[in-house]
């Protein structure tokens, strides 16, 4: 079973599990500030669950690619949408600052 390292937590999940769901179920603060209340609830349209991922995850789908191509996200700061990402093996997750997690400074790390 894959291991997710995020915000000082080590979580185990099924292969193919949705990263957003696993993190939220474990109490990991996936959203910054008011985006905890104002987000698309996993539809892939808002971009507030953007995280940096190291490890085995699904390839970005069209919805994720389209959202991350729009400001405030930038190809200069590669991110993934947790709501559109399936965990395929061990991953390390880092959340950056900003409403959409688009900043350069790290909010929390593995």
PDB file of N, CA and C in Angstrom:
ATOM      1  N   UNK A   1       0.832  -1.178   0.000  1.00  0.00           N
ATOM      2  CA  UNK A   1       0.000   0.000   0.000  1.00  0.00           C
ATOM      3  C   UNK A   1       0.886   1.253   0.000  1.00  0.00           C
ATOM      4  N   UNK A   2       0.518   2.237  -0.810  1.00  0.00           N
ATOM      5  CA  UNK A   2       1.306   3.465  -0.879  1.00  0.00           C
ATOM      6  C   UNK A   2       1.305   4.242   0.441  1.00  0.00           C
ATOM      7  N   UNK A   3       2.399   4.963   0.661  1.00  0.00           N
ATOM      8  CA  UNK A   3       2.559   5.809   1.829  1.00  0.00           C
ATOM      9  C   UNK A   3       2.580   7.266   1.357  1.00  0.00           C
ATOM     10  N   UNK A   4       1.797   8.112   2.001  1.00  0.00           N
ATOM     11  CA  UNK A   4       1.771   9.543   1.718  1.00  0.00           C
ATOM     12  C   UNK A   4       2.406  10.256   2.899  1.00  0.00           C
ATOM     13  N   UNK A   5       3.399  11.095   2.626  1.00  0.00           N
ATOM     14  CA  UNK A   5       4.023  11.927   3.654  1.00  0.00           C
ATOM     15  C   UNK A   5       3.559  13.355   3.420  1.00  0.00           C
ATOM     16  N   UNK A   6       2.867  13.935   4.413  1.00  0.00           N
ATOM     17  CA  UNK A   6       2.314  15.285   4.269  1.00  0.00           C
ATOM     18  C   UNK A   6       2.111  15.929   5.632  1.00  0.00           C
ATOM     19  N   UNK A   7       2.557  17.158   5.785  1.00  0.00           N
ATOM     20  CA  UNK A   7       2.360  17.954   6.988  1.00  0.00           C
ATOM     21  C   UNK A   7       2.773  17.188   8.252  1.00  0.00           C
ATOM     22  N   UNK A   8       3.880  16.463   8.166  1.00  0.00           N
ATOM     23  CA  UNK A   8       4.377  15.705   9.308  1.00  0.00           C
ATOM     24  C   UNK A   8       3.656  14.398   9.565  1.00  0.00           C
ATOM     25  N   UNK A   9       2.715  14.034   8.704  1.00  0.00           N
ATOM     26  CA  UNK A   9       1.959  12.791   8.838  1.00  0.00           C
ATOM     27  C   UNK A   9       2.446  11.747   7.857  1.00  0.00           C
ATOM     28  N   UNK A  10       2.358  10.501   8.249  1.00  0.00           N
ATOM     29  CA  UNK A  10       2.619   9.380   7.356  1.00  0.00           C
ATOM     30  C   UNK A  10       1.313   8.612   7.247  1.00  0.00           C
ATOM     31  N   UNK A  11       0.744   8.614   6.038  1.00  0.00           N
ATOM     32  CA  UNK A  11      -0.573   8.024   5.812  1.00  0.00           C
ATOM     33  C   UNK A  11      -0.478   6.860   4.847  1.00  0.00           C
ATOM     34  N   UNK A  12      -1.233   5.838   5.086  1.00  0.00           N
ATOM     35  CA  UNK A  12      -1.295   4.692   4.187  1.00  0.00           C
ATOM     36  C   UNK A  12      -2.627   4.740   3.453  1.00  0.00           C
ATOM     37  N   UNK A  13      -2.596   4.402   2.163  1.00  0.00           N
ATOM     38  CA  UNK A  13      -3.841   4.415   1.390  1.00  0.00           C
ATOM     39  C   UNK A  13      -3.811   3.312   0.343  1.00  0.00           C
ATOM     40  N   UNK A  14      -4.935   3.071  -0.255  1.00  0.00           N
ATOM     41  CA  UNK A  14      -5.027   2.091  -1.335  1.00  0.00           C
ATOM     42  C   UNK A  14      -4.408   2.678  -2.608  1.00  0.00           C
ATOM     43  N   UNK A  15      -3.859   1.833  -3.430  1.00  0.00           N
ATOM     44  CA  UNK A  15      -3.358   2.272  -4.725  1.00  0.00           C
ATOM     45  C   UNK A  15      -4.530   2.814  -5.537  1.00  0.00           C
ATOM     46  N   UNK A  16      -4.359   4.005  -6.100  1.00  0.00           N
ATOM     47  CA  UNK A  16      -5.417   4.638  -6.875  1.00  0.00           C
ATOM     48  C   UNK A  16      -6.305   5.562  -6.064  1.00  0.00           C
ATOM     49  N   UNK A  17      -6.027   5.689  -4.761  1.00  0.00           N
ATOM     50  CA  UNK A  17      -6.838   6.562  -3.907  1.00  0.00           C
ATOM     51  C   UNK A  17      -6.684   8.017  -4.335  1.00  0.00           C
ATOM     52  N   UNK A  18      -7.740   8.793  -4.132  1.00  0.00           N
ATOM     53  CA  UNK A  18      -7.728  10.220  -4.441  1.00  0.00           C
ATOM     54  C   UNK A  18      -6.939  10.947  -3.351  1.00  0.00           C
ATOM     55  N   UNK A  19      -5.917  11.703  -3.758  1.00  0.00           N
ATOM     56  CA  UNK A  19      -5.035  12.363  -2.801  1.00  0.00           C
ATOM     57  C   UNK A  19      -5.788  13.352  -1.915  1.00  0.00           C
ATOM     58  N   UNK A  20      -6.679  14.140  -2.473  1.00  0.00           N
ATOM     59  CA  UNK A  20      -7.443  15.115  -1.690  1.00  0.00           C
ATOM     60  C   UNK A  20      -8.249  14.423  -0.603  1.00  0.00           C
ATOM     61  N   UNK A  21      -8.944  13.388  -0.960  1.00  0.00           N
ATOM     62  CA  UNK A  21      -9.790  12.675  -0.022  1.00  0.00           C
ATOM     63  C   UNK A  21      -8.957  12.098   1.121  1.00  0.00           C
ATOM     64  N   UNK A  22      -7.833  11.464   0.806  1.00  0.00           N
ATOM     65  CA  UNK A  22      -6.991  10.856   1.838  1.00  0.00           C
ATOM     66  C   UNK A  22      -6.461  11.924   2.795  1.00  0.00           C
ATOM     67  N   UNK A  23      -5.977  13.041   2.244  1.00  0.00           N
ATOM     68  CA  UNK A  23      -5.430  14.098   3.097  1.00  0.00           C
ATOM     69  C   UNK A  23      -6.501  14.707   4.002  1.00  0.00           C
ATOM     70  N   UNK A  24      -7.652  15.015   3.451  1.00  0.00           N
ATOM     71  CA  UNK A  24      -8.712  15.614   4.265  1.00  0.00           C
ATOM     72  C   UNK A  24      -9.222  14.647   5.331  1.00  0.00           C
ATOM     73  N   UNK A  25      -9.349  13.372   4.994  1.00  0.00           N
ATOM     74  CA  UNK A  25      -9.802  12.379   5.974  1.00  0.00           C
ATOM     75  C   UNK A  25      -8.828  12.251   7.139  1.00  0.00           C
ATOM     76  N   UNK A  26      -7.543  12.516   6.871  1.00  0.00           N
ATOM     77  CA  UNK A  26      -6.517  12.419   7.912  1.00  0.00           C
ATOM     78  C   UNK A  26      -6.349  13.731   8.679  1.00  0.00           C
ATOM     79  N   UNK A  27      -7.121  14.752   8.321  1.00  0.00           N
ATOM     80  CA  UNK A  27      -7.037  16.025   9.018  1.00  0.00           C
ATOM     81  C   UNK A  27      -5.896  16.920   8.568  1.00  0.00           C
ATOM     82  N   UNK A  28      -5.320  16.629   7.416  1.00  0.00           N
ATOM     83  CA  UNK A  28      -4.255  17.473   6.876  1.00  0.00           C
ATOM     84  C   UNK A  28      -4.875  18.757   6.326  1.00  0.00           C
ATOM     85  N   UNK A  29      -4.297  19.895   6.673  1.00  0.00           N
ATOM     86  CA  UNK A  29      -4.808  21.205   6.250  1.00  0.00           C
ATOM     87  C   UNK A  29      -4.450  21.452   4.789  1.00  0.00           C
ATOM     88  N   UNK A  30      -5.245  20.930   3.896  1.00  0.00           N
ATOM     89  CA  UNK A  30      -4.970  20.985   2.461  1.00  0.00           C
ATOM     90  C   UNK A  30      -5.203  22.368   1.864  1.00  0.00           C
ATOM     91  N   UNK A  31      -6.127  23.115   2.423  1.00  0.00           N
ATOM     92  CA  UNK A  31      -6.464  24.441   1.903  1.00  0.00           C
ATOM     93  C   UNK A  31      -5.899  25.531   2.801  1.00  0.00           C
ATOM     94  N   UNK A  32      -5.470  26.637   2.192  1.00  0.00           N
ATOM     95  CA  UNK A  32      -4.925  27.773   2.938  1.00  0.00           C
ATOM     96  C   UNK A  32      -6.013  28.801   3.216  1.00  0.00           C
ATOM     97  N   UNK A  33      -6.024  29.329   4.423  1.00  0.00           N
ATOM     98  CA  UNK A  33      -6.917  30.425   4.765  1.00  0.00           C
ATOM     99  C   UNK A  33      -8.371  30.134   4.452  1.00  0.00           C
ATOM    100  N   UNK A  34      -9.018  31.108   3.808  1.00  0.00           N
ATOM    101  CA  UNK A  34     -10.452  30.987   3.511  1.00  0.00           C
ATOM    102  C   UNK A  34     -10.764  29.974   2.412  1.00  0.00           C
ATOM    103  N   UNK A  35      -9.738  29.468   1.737  1.00  0.00           N
ATOM    104  CA  UNK A  35     -10.029  28.448   0.722  1.00  0.00           C
ATOM    105  C   UNK A  35     -10.524  27.156   1.369  1.00  0.00           C
ATOM    106  N   UNK A  36     -10.409  27.063   2.698  1.00  0.00           N
ATOM    107  CA  UNK A  36     -11.000  25.938   3.416  1.00  0.00           C
ATOM    108  C   UNK A  36     -12.509  25.942   3.215  1.00  0.00           C
ATOM    109  N   UNK A  37     -13.092  27.149   3.157  1.00  0.00           N
ATOM    110  CA  UNK A  37     -14.535  27.299   2.985  1.00  0.00           C
ATOM    111  C   UNK A  37     -14.932  27.495   1.527  1.00  0.00           C
ATOM    112  N   UNK A  38     -14.082  28.175   0.783  1.00  0.00           N
ATOM    113  CA  UNK A  38     -14.398  28.544  -0.602  1.00  0.00           C
ATOM    114  C   UNK A  38     -13.549  27.683  -1.535  1.00  0.00           C
ATOM    115  N   UNK A  39     -14.046  26.531  -1.888  1.00  0.00           N
ATOM    116  CA  UNK A  39     -13.357  25.654  -2.843  1.00  0.00           C
ATOM    117  C   UNK A  39     -14.395  24.820  -3.578  1.00  0.00           C
ATOM    118  N   UNK A  40     -13.972  24.157  -4.629  1.00  0.00           N
ATOM    119  CA  UNK A  40     -14.920  23.442  -5.500  1.00  0.00           C
ATOM    120  C   UNK A  40     -15.280  22.040  -4.992  1.00  0.00           C
ATOM    121  N   UNK A  41     -14.765  21.663  -3.828  1.00  0.00           N
ATOM    122  CA  UNK A  41     -15.075  20.364  -3.214  1.00  0.00           C
ATOM    123  C   UNK A  41     -14.643  19.168  -4.063  1.00  0.00           C
ATOM    124  N   UNK A  42     -13.554  19.358  -4.806  1.00  0.00           N
ATOM    125  CA  UNK A  42     -12.990  18.240  -5.544  1.00  0.00           C
ATOM    126  C   UNK A  42     -13.369  18.144  -7.006  1.00  0.00           C
ATOM    127  N   UNK A  43     -13.985  19.172  -7.554  1.00  0.00           N
ATOM    128  CA  UNK A  43     -14.384  19.141  -8.966  1.00  0.00           C
ATOM    129  C   UNK A  43     -13.249  19.489  -9.925  1.00  0.00           C
ATOM    130  N   UNK A  44     -12.154  20.045  -9.391  1.00  0.00           N
ATOM    131  CA  UNK A  44     -11.014  20.387 -10.231  1.00  0.00           C
ATOM    132  C   UNK A  44     -11.133  21.736 -10.903  1.00  0.00           C
ATOM    133  N   UNK A  45     -12.027  22.593 -10.418  1.00  0.00           N
ATOM    134  CA  UNK A  45     -12.253  23.876 -11.083  1.00  0.00           C
ATOM    135  C   UNK A  45     -11.657  25.071 -10.358  1.00  0.00           C
ATOM    136  N   UNK A  46     -11.380  24.972  -9.068  1.00  0.00           N
ATOM    137  CA  UNK A  46     -10.929  26.163  -8.336  1.00  0.00           C
ATOM    138  C   UNK A  46      -9.409  26.272  -8.237  1.00  0.00           C
ATOM    139  N   UNK A  47      -8.713  25.172  -8.085  1.00  0.00           N
ATOM    140  CA  UNK A  47      -7.254  25.197  -7.996  1.00  0.00           C
ATOM    141  C   UNK A  47      -6.710  25.421  -6.602  1.00  0.00           C
ATOM    142  N   UNK A  48      -7.559  25.455  -5.572  1.00  0.00           N
ATOM    143  CA  UNK A  48      -7.080  25.739  -4.222  1.00  0.00           C
ATOM    144  C   UNK A  48      -6.376  24.562  -3.553  1.00  0.00           C
ATOM    145  N   UNK A  49      -6.516  23.371  -4.087  1.00  0.00           N
ATOM    146  CA  UNK A  49      -5.861  22.197  -3.501  1.00  0.00           C
ATOM    147  C   UNK A  49      -4.530  21.886  -4.184  1.00  0.00           C
ATOM    148  N   UNK A  50      -3.961  22.900  -4.841  1.00  0.00           N
ATOM    149  CA  UNK A  50      -2.693  22.706  -5.547  1.00  0.00           C
ATOM    150  C   UNK A  50      -1.566  22.402  -4.561  1.00  0.00           C
ATOM    151  N   UNK A  51      -0.804  21.363  -4.866  1.00  0.00           N
ATOM    152  CA  UNK A  51       0.323  20.940  -4.040  1.00  0.00           C
ATOM    153  C   UNK A  51       1.472  20.508  -4.944  1.00  0.00           C
ATOM    154  N   UNK A  52       2.667  20.494  -4.377  1.00  0.00           N
ATOM    155  CA  UNK A  52       3.814  19.916  -5.073  1.00  0.00           C
ATOM    156  C   UNK A  52       3.908  18.456  -4.632  1.00  0.00           C
ATOM    157  N   UNK A  53       4.130  17.573  -5.591  1.00  0.00           N
ATOM    158  CA  UNK A  53       4.168  16.140  -5.297  1.00  0.00           C
ATOM    159  C   UNK A  53       5.471  15.544  -5.819  1.00  0.00           C
ATOM    160  N   UNK A  54       6.088  14.720  -4.986  1.00  0.00           N
ATOM    161  CA  UNK A  54       7.225  13.907  -5.400  1.00  0.00           C
ATOM    162  C   UNK A  54       6.806  12.455  -5.231  1.00  0.00           C
ATOM    163  N   UNK A  55       6.953  11.656  -6.269  1.00  0.00           N
ATOM    164  CA  UNK A  55       6.613  10.251  -6.145  1.00  0.00           C
ATOM    165  C   UNK A  55       5.653   9.783  -7.218  1.00  0.00           C
ATOM    166  N   UNK A  56       5.097   8.618  -6.987  1.00  0.00           N
ATOM    167  CA  UNK A  56       4.267   7.942  -7.984  1.00  0.00           C
ATOM    168  C   UNK A  56       2.806   8.387  -7.895  1.00  0.00           C
ATOM    169  N   UNK A  57       2.393   9.187  -8.877  1.00  0.00           N
ATOM    170  CA  UNK A  57       1.014   9.660  -8.946  1.00  0.00           C
ATOM    171  C   UNK A  57       0.533   9.561 -10.388  1.00  0.00           C
ATOM    172  N   UNK A  58      -0.778   9.611 -10.559  1.00  0.00           N
ATOM    173  CA  UNK A  58      -1.370   9.565 -11.896  1.00  0.00           C
ATOM    174  C   UNK A  58      -0.906  10.772 -12.712  1.00  0.00           C
ATOM    175  N   UNK A  59      -0.979  10.630 -14.023  1.00  0.00           N
ATOM    176  CA  UNK A  59      -0.644  11.745 -14.919  1.00  0.00           C
ATOM    177  C   UNK A  59      -1.753  12.791 -14.826  1.00  0.00           C
ATOM    178  N   UNK A  60      -1.415  14.059 -14.997  1.00  0.00           N
ATOM    179  CA  UNK A  60      -2.449  15.103 -14.957  1.00  0.00           C
ATOM    180  C   UNK A  60      -3.501  14.878 -16.045  1.00  0.00           C
ATOM    181  N   UNK A  61      -4.783  14.996 -15.676  1.00  0.00           N
ATOM    182  CA  UNK A  61      -5.851  14.860 -16.666  1.00  0.00           C
ATOM    183  C   UNK A  61      -6.131  16.228 -17.306  1.00  0.00           C
ATOM    184  N   UNK A  62      -7.025  16.280 -18.261  1.00  0.00           N
ATOM    185  CA  UNK A  62      -7.282  17.519 -19.001  1.00  0.00           C
ATOM    186  C   UNK A  62      -7.816  18.624 -18.100  1.00  0.00           C
ATOM    187  N   UNK A  63      -8.646  18.261 -17.127  1.00  0.00           N
ATOM    188  CA  UNK A  63      -9.239  19.257 -16.228  1.00  0.00           C
ATOM    189  C   UNK A  63      -8.145  19.920 -15.380  1.00  0.00           C
ATOM    190  N   UNK A  64      -7.256  19.097 -14.870  1.00  0.00           N
ATOM    191  CA  UNK A  64      -6.153  19.604 -14.056  1.00  0.00           C
ATOM    192  C   UNK A  64      -5.212  20.468 -14.894  1.00  0.00           C
ATOM    193  N   UNK A  65      -4.882  20.020 -16.077  1.00  0.00           N
ATOM    194  CA  UNK A  65      -3.991  20.788 -16.956  1.00  0.00           C
ATOM    195  C   UNK A  65      -4.601  22.142 -17.303  1.00  0.00           C
ATOM    196  N   UNK A  66      -5.898  22.156 -17.573  1.00  0.00           N
ATOM    197  CA  UNK A  66      -6.574  23.406 -17.934  1.00  0.00           C
ATOM    198  C   UNK A  66      -6.569  24.382 -16.757  1.00  0.00           C
ATOM    199  N   UNK A  67      -6.896  23.909 -15.552  1.00  0.00           N
ATOM    200  CA  UNK A  67      -6.949  24.810 -14.397  1.00  0.00           C
ATOM    201  C   UNK A  67      -5.576  25.347 -14.042  1.00  0.00           C
ATOM    202  N   UNK A  68      -4.559  24.499 -14.073  1.00  0.00           N
ATOM    203  CA  UNK A  68      -3.216  24.926 -13.701  1.00  0.00           C
ATOM    204  C   UNK A  68      -2.548  25.797 -14.766  1.00  0.00           C
ATOM    205  N   UNK A  69      -3.153  25.886 -15.954  1.00  0.00           N
ATOM    206  CA  UNK A  69      -2.639  26.758 -17.013  1.00  0.00           C
ATOM    207  C   UNK A  69      -3.119  28.203 -16.822  1.00  0.00           C
ATOM    208  N   UNK A  70      -4.043  28.423 -15.883  1.00  0.00           N
ATOM    209  CA  UNK A  70      -4.611  29.749 -15.646  1.00  0.00           C
ATOM    210  C   UNK A  70      -4.000  30.393 -14.404  1.00  0.00           C
ATOM    211  N   UNK A  71      -3.871  31.729 -14.416  1.00  0.00           N
ATOM    212  CA  UNK A  71      -3.378  32.422 -13.224  1.00  0.00           C
ATOM    213  C   UNK A  71      -4.304  32.159 -12.037  1.00  0.00           C
ATOM    214  N   UNK A  72      -3.787  32.135 -10.855  1.00  0.00           N
ATOM    215  CA  UNK A  72      -2.446  32.534 -10.462  1.00  0.00           C
ATOM    216  C   UNK A  72      -1.406  31.426 -10.569  1.00  0.00           C
ATOM    217  N   UNK A  73      -1.807  30.257 -11.049  1.00  0.00           N
ATOM    218  CA  UNK A  73      -0.837  29.169 -11.209  1.00  0.00           C
ATOM    219  C   UNK A  73       0.086  29.469 -12.377  1.00  0.00           C
ATOM    220  N   UNK A  74       1.241  28.837 -12.369  1.00  0.00           N
ATOM    221  CA  UNK A  74       2.250  29.129 -13.376  1.00  0.00           C
ATOM    222  C   UNK A  74       3.099  27.890 -13.633  1.00  0.00           C
ATOM    223  N   UNK A  75       3.483  27.663 -14.884  1.00  0.00           N
ATOM    224  CA  UNK A  75       4.387  26.548 -15.185  1.00  0.00           C
ATOM    225  C   UNK A  75       5.737  26.681 -14.464  1.00  0.00           C
ATOM    226  N   UNK A  76       6.073  27.900 -14.041  1.00  0.00           N
ATOM    227  CA  UNK A  76       7.325  28.122 -13.307  1.00  0.00           C
ATOM    228  C   UNK A  76       7.286  27.472 -11.921  1.00  0.00           C
ATOM    229  N   UNK A  77       6.080  27.243 -11.410  1.00  0.00           N
ATOM    230  CA  UNK A  77       5.895  26.589 -10.115  1.00  0.00           C
ATOM    231  C   UNK A  77       5.001  25.369 -10.309  1.00  0.00           C
ATOM    232  N   UNK A  78       5.583  24.264 -10.726  1.00  0.00           N
ATOM    233  CA  UNK A  78       4.758  23.081 -11.011  1.00  0.00           C
ATOM    234  C   UNK A  78       3.989  22.587  -9.786  1.00  0.00           C
ATOM    235  N   UNK A  79       2.712  22.451  -9.963  1.00  0.00           N
ATOM    236  CA  UNK A  79       1.825  21.964  -8.912  1.00  0.00           C
ATOM    237  C   UNK A  79       0.891  20.915  -9.500  1.00  0.00           C
ATOM    238  N   UNK A  80       0.241  20.196  -8.623  1.00  0.00           N
ATOM    239  CA  UNK A  80      -0.805  19.246  -8.987  1.00  0.00           C
ATOM    240  C   UNK A  80      -2.039  19.582  -8.182  1.00  0.00           C
ATOM    241  N   UNK A  81      -3.201  19.278  -8.722  1.00  0.00           N
ATOM    242  CA  UNK A  81      -4.438  19.418  -7.961  1.00  0.00           C
ATOM    243  C   UNK A  81      -4.665  18.113  -7.214  1.00  0.00           C
ATOM    244  N   UNK A  82      -4.685  18.184  -5.894  1.00  0.00           N
ATOM    245  CA  UNK A  82      -4.868  16.979  -5.084  1.00  0.00           C
ATOM    246  C   UNK A  82      -6.173  16.275  -5.436  1.00  0.00           C
ATOM    247  N   UNK A  83      -7.197  17.056  -5.791  1.00  0.00           N
ATOM    248  CA  UNK A  83      -8.508  16.473  -6.086  1.00  0.00           C
ATOM    249  C   UNK A  83      -8.529  15.664  -7.375  1.00  0.00           C
ATOM    250  N   UNK A  84      -7.561  15.870  -8.236  1.00  0.00           N
ATOM    251  CA  UNK A  84      -7.516  15.164  -9.514  1.00  0.00           C
ATOM    252  C   UNK A  84      -6.390  14.133  -9.569  1.00  0.00           C
ATOM    253  N   UNK A  85      -5.687  13.956  -8.460  1.00  0.00           N
ATOM    254  CA  UNK A  85      -4.508  13.095  -8.420  1.00  0.00           C
ATOM    255  C   UNK A  85      -4.802  11.777  -7.719  1.00  0.00           C
ATOM    256  N   UNK A  86      -4.430  10.700  -8.390  1.00  0.00           N
ATOM    257  CA  UNK A  86      -4.526   9.372  -7.796  1.00  0.00           C
ATOM    258  C   UNK A  86      -3.137   8.956  -7.316  1.00  0.00           C
ATOM    259  N   UNK A  87      -3.081   8.400  -6.123  1.00  0.00           N
ATOM    260  CA  UNK A  87      -1.821   7.945  -5.547  1.00  0.00           C
ATOM    261  C   UNK A  87      -1.522   6.546  -6.087  1.00  0.00           C
ATOM    262  N   UNK A  88      -0.386   6.403  -6.763  1.00  0.00           N
ATOM    263  CA  UNK A  88      -0.027   5.113  -7.362  1.00  0.00           C
ATOM    264  C   UNK A  88       1.116   4.424  -6.623  1.00  0.00           C
ATOM    265  N   UNK A  89       1.793   5.155  -5.762  1.00  0.00           N
ATOM    266  CA  UNK A  89       2.914   4.640  -4.973  1.00  0.00           C
ATOM    267  C   UNK A  89       3.223   5.665  -3.896  1.00  0.00           C
ATOM    268  N   UNK A  90       4.361   5.523  -3.250  1.00  0.00           N
ATOM    269  CA  UNK A  90       4.726   6.458  -2.190  1.00  0.00           C
ATOM    270  C   UNK A  90       4.870   7.869  -2.752  1.00  0.00           C
ATOM    271  N   UNK A  91       4.328   8.848  -2.022  1.00  0.00           N
ATOM    272  CA  UNK A  91       4.431  10.253  -2.441  1.00  0.00           C
ATOM    273  C   UNK A  91       4.744  11.141  -1.239  1.00  0.00           C
ATOM    274  N   UNK A  92       5.428  12.249  -1.540  1.00  0.00           N
ATOM    275  CA  UNK A  92       5.684  13.307  -0.569  1.00  0.00           C
ATOM    276  C   UNK A  92       4.963  14.537  -1.077  1.00  0.00           C
ATOM    277  N   UNK A  93       4.202  15.181  -0.193  1.00  0.00           N
ATOM    278  CA  UNK A  93       3.361  16.305  -0.574  1.00  0.00           C
ATOM    279  C   UNK A  93       3.826  17.562   0.158  1.00  0.00           C
ATOM    280  N   UNK A  94       3.942  18.659  -0.598  1.00  0.00           N
ATOM    281  CA  UNK A  94       4.309  19.957  -0.036  1.00  0.00           C
ATOM    282  C   UNK A  94       3.248  20.976  -0.428  1.00  0.00           C
ATOM    283  N   UNK A  95       2.794  21.771   0.539  1.00  0.00           N
ATOM    284  CA  UNK A  95       1.823  22.829   0.288  1.00  0.00           C
ATOM    285  C   UNK A  95       2.528  24.171   0.374  1.00  0.00           C
ATOM    286  N   UNK A  96       2.291  25.030  -0.610  1.00  0.00           N
ATOM    287  CA  UNK A  96       2.892  26.353  -0.639  1.00  0.00           C
ATOM    288  C   UNK A  96       1.884  27.417  -0.215  1.00  0.00           C
ATOM    289  N   UNK A  97       2.394  28.608   0.076  1.00  0.00           N
ATOM    290  CA  UNK A  97       1.543  29.702   0.547  1.00  0.00           C
ATOM    291  C   UNK A  97       0.651  30.233  -0.571  1.00  0.00           C
ATOM    292  N   UNK A  98      -0.298  31.054  -0.187  1.00  0.00           N
ATOM    293  CA  UNK A  98      -1.225  31.671  -1.125  1.00  0.00           C
ATOM    294  C   UNK A  98      -2.570  30.978  -1.101  1.00  0.00           C
ATOM    295  N   UNK A  99      -3.612  31.718  -1.438  1.00  0.00           N
ATOM    296  CA  UNK A  99      -4.974  31.184  -1.449  1.00  0.00           C
ATOM    297  C   UNK A  99      -5.066  29.902  -2.277  1.00  0.00           C
ATOM    298  N   UNK A 100      -4.382  29.878  -3.414  1.00  0.00           N
ATOM    299  CA  UNK A 100      -4.401  28.722  -4.309  1.00  0.00           C
ATOM    300  C   UNK A 100      -3.180  27.834  -4.145  1.00  0.00           C
ATOM    301  N   UNK A 101      -2.356  28.095  -3.160  1.00  0.00           N
ATOM    302  CA  UNK A 101      -1.138  27.308  -2.984  1.00  0.00           C
ATOM    303  C   UNK A 101      -0.129  27.600  -4.085  1.00  0.00           C
ATOM    304  N   UNK A 102      -0.221  28.793  -4.671  1.00  0.00           N
ATOM    305  CA  UNK A 102       0.586  29.162  -5.821  1.00  0.00           C
ATOM    306  C   UNK A 102       1.916  29.823  -5.452  1.00  0.00           C
ATOM    307  N   UNK A 103       2.102  30.180  -4.173  1.00  0.00           N
ATOM    308  CA  UNK A 103       3.285  30.922  -3.766  1.00  0.00           C
ATOM    309  C   UNK A 103       4.562  30.117  -3.825  1.00  0.00           C
ATOM    310  N   UNK A 104       5.655  30.799  -3.545  1.00  0.00           N
ATOM    311  CA  UNK A 104       6.966  30.151  -3.544  1.00  0.00           C
ATOM    312  C   UNK A 104       7.320  29.592  -2.175  1.00  0.00           C
ATOM    313  N   UNK A 105       6.926  30.305  -1.109  1.00  0.00           N
ATOM    314  CA  UNK A 105       7.257  29.864   0.248  1.00  0.00           C
ATOM    315  C   UNK A 105       6.443  28.626   0.618  1.00  0.00           C
ATOM    316  N   UNK A 106       7.068  27.743   1.371  1.00  0.00           N
ATOM    317  CA  UNK A 106       6.413  26.507   1.786  1.00  0.00           C
ATOM    318  C   UNK A 106       5.497  26.775   2.985  1.00  0.00           C
ATOM    319  N   UNK A 107       4.258  26.340   2.883  1.00  0.00           N
ATOM    320  CA  UNK A 107       3.285  26.414   3.984  1.00  0.00           C
ATOM    321  C   UNK A 107       3.514  25.233   4.934  1.00  0.00           C
ATOM    322  N   UNK A 108       3.590  24.046   4.371  1.00  0.00           N
ATOM    323  CA  UNK A 108       3.986  22.846   5.102  1.00  0.00           C
ATOM    324  C   UNK A 108       4.610  21.846   4.120  1.00  0.00           C
ATOM    325  N   UNK A 109       5.396  20.933   4.686  1.00  0.00           N
ATOM    326  CA  UNK A 109       6.103  19.950   3.854  1.00  0.00           C
ATOM    327  C   UNK A 109       5.915  18.565   4.435  1.00  0.00           C
ATOM    328  N   UNK A 110       6.475  17.574   3.748  1.00  0.00           N
ATOM    329  CA  UNK A 110       6.278  16.202   4.219  1.00  0.00           C
ATOM    330  C   UNK A 110       6.708  16.026   5.660  1.00  0.00           C
TER     331      UNK A 110
END
